[in-house]
Structures are given as structure tokens and as C-alpha cells.
């Protein structure tokens, strides 16, 4: 019971910090021209590093799900409905 309460208290602190940071991030008074430029540059470079891996993973996952859906539809004799099933899965 004590560890559960400590876990909840720990995560409540994390959630509280996230909410405060989100409120500051949305607030226009938090940004000066220099800070805005620095933040945009940082976002640009950070996203640039991650976007390629994200796109590759998303594409691979989509191909796998599409293949599984089409093969399963064919096995059950529903090949005509495979395209509709793919759209519903994705």
C-alpha cells in the first residue's frame, strides 16, 4: 500500500510539472523574440533527427498490418472485401 501511494505521489508531481510547462508554453508572455527563434531552431533540429526513423517505422507497421489483413481476408474467402478491411484497420 505504501509503495502504491508513493508511486501515485511521484506521478502526480510529474503530471503537475507537465501541466505547468504546457501552460507556460502556450502563454505568449513567456516568449521573447530571441527565445522564440531558439525554440523553433531546436524543434527543427530535433524533429529532423527523429522524423526519418518515425516514417520508416510507420511505413513498416502499415505494410505488416496490410499484409496480415489481406492474407486473413483471402484465407476466409473475403478477398473482395480486403481493401475495405485494410481501410478499417488503418
Protein backbone atom coordinates (compact mmCIF):
# COMPACT_ATOMS: atom_id res chain seq x y z
CA UNK A 1 0.00 0.00 0.00
CA UNK A 2 2.83 2.36 0.88
CA UNK A 3 4.64 1.81 -2.41
CA UNK A 4 1.43 2.41 -4.36
CA UNK A 5 0.85 5.69 -2.57
CA UNK A 6 4.46 6.74 -3.21
CA UNK A 7 4.07 5.82 -6.88
CA UNK A 8 0.90 7.91 -7.16
CA UNK A 9 2.56 10.87 -5.43
CA UNK A 10 5.56 10.62 -7.73
CA UNK A 11 3.49 10.56 -10.89
CA UNK A 12 1.22 13.34 -9.63
CA UNK A 13 4.32 15.54 -9.38
CA UNK A 14 5.28 14.65 -12.93
CA UNK A 15 1.77 15.42 -14.21
CA UNK A 16 1.70 18.72 -12.29
CA UNK A 17 5.05 19.74 -13.80
CA UNK A 18 3.84 18.81 -17.29
CA UNK A 19 0.73 20.94 -16.85
CA UNK A 20 2.73 23.93 -15.63
CA UNK A 21 5.16 23.63 -18.52
CA UNK A 22 2.31 23.29 -21.01
CA UNK A 23 0.66 26.42 -19.60
CA UNK A 24 3.93 28.33 -19.88
CA UNK A 25 4.47 27.03 -23.39
CA UNK A 26 1.08 28.27 -24.53
CA UNK A 27 1.37 31.63 -22.81
CA UNK A 28 2.50 34.35 -25.24
CA UNK A 29 4.19 36.33 -22.47
CA UNK A 30 6.71 33.52 -22.00
CA UNK A 31 8.33 34.13 -25.39
CA UNK A 32 10.72 36.88 -26.39
CA UNK A 33 11.90 37.16 -29.97
CA UNK A 34 15.24 35.55 -29.14
CA UNK A 35 13.66 32.70 -27.17
CA UNK A 36 11.13 32.05 -29.93
CA UNK A 37 13.91 31.81 -32.52
CA UNK A 38 15.93 29.46 -30.33
CA UNK A 39 12.89 27.28 -29.58
CA UNK A 40 11.96 26.99 -33.27
CA UNK A 41 15.54 26.13 -34.21
CA UNK A 42 15.69 23.47 -31.50
CA UNK A 43 12.36 21.97 -32.62
CA UNK A 44 13.53 21.95 -36.24
CA UNK A 45 16.76 20.08 -35.48
CA UNK A 46 15.15 17.68 -33.01
CA UNK A 47 12.33 16.73 -35.37
CA UNK A 48 14.82 16.39 -38.22
CA UNK A 49 16.70 13.71 -36.32
CA UNK A 50 13.65 11.66 -35.38
CA UNK A 51 11.32 12.03 -38.38
CA UNK A 52 13.18 9.60 -40.66
CA UNK A 53 13.04 6.75 -38.14
CA UNK A 54 9.41 7.53 -37.35
CA UNK A 55 8.44 7.43 -41.03
CA UNK A 56 10.32 4.16 -41.59
CA UNK A 57 8.70 2.55 -38.56
CA UNK A 58 5.22 3.80 -39.56
CA UNK A 59 5.65 2.53 -43.10
CA UNK A 60 6.88 -0.87 -41.92
CA UNK A 61 3.99 -1.20 -39.46
CA UNK A 62 1.46 -0.23 -42.14
CA UNK A 63 2.85 -2.78 -44.58
CA UNK A 64 2.77 -5.51 -41.94
CA UNK A 65 -0.82 -4.74 -40.91
CA UNK A 66 -1.94 -4.52 -44.53
CA UNK A 67 -0.32 -7.85 -45.38
CA UNK A 68 -1.85 -9.58 -42.37
CA UNK A 69 -5.31 -8.16 -43.15
CA UNK A 70 -5.22 -9.08 -46.84
CA UNK A 71 -3.91 -12.59 -46.18
CA UNK A 72 -6.50 -13.22 -43.50
CA UNK A 73 -9.29 -11.94 -45.75
CA UNK A 74 -8.13 -14.25 -48.56
CA UNK A 75 -7.94 -17.25 -46.23
CA UNK A 76 -11.57 -16.75 -45.21
CA UNK A 77 -12.67 -16.20 -48.82
CA UNK A 78 -13.24 -12.49 -48.37
CA UNK A 79 -10.70 -11.29 -50.92
CA UNK A 80 -13.24 -8.92 -52.44
CA UNK A 81 -13.55 -7.12 -49.12
CA UNK A 82 -9.82 -6.96 -48.40
CA UNK A 83 -9.45 -3.32 -49.43
CA UNK A 84 -12.33 -2.26 -47.19
CA UNK A 85 -10.81 -4.24 -44.31
CA UNK A 86 -7.42 -2.55 -44.84
CA UNK A 87 -9.03 0.88 -44.65
CA UNK A 88 -10.85 -0.08 -41.46
CA UNK A 89 -7.70 -1.45 -39.83
CA UNK A 90 -5.56 1.53 -40.74
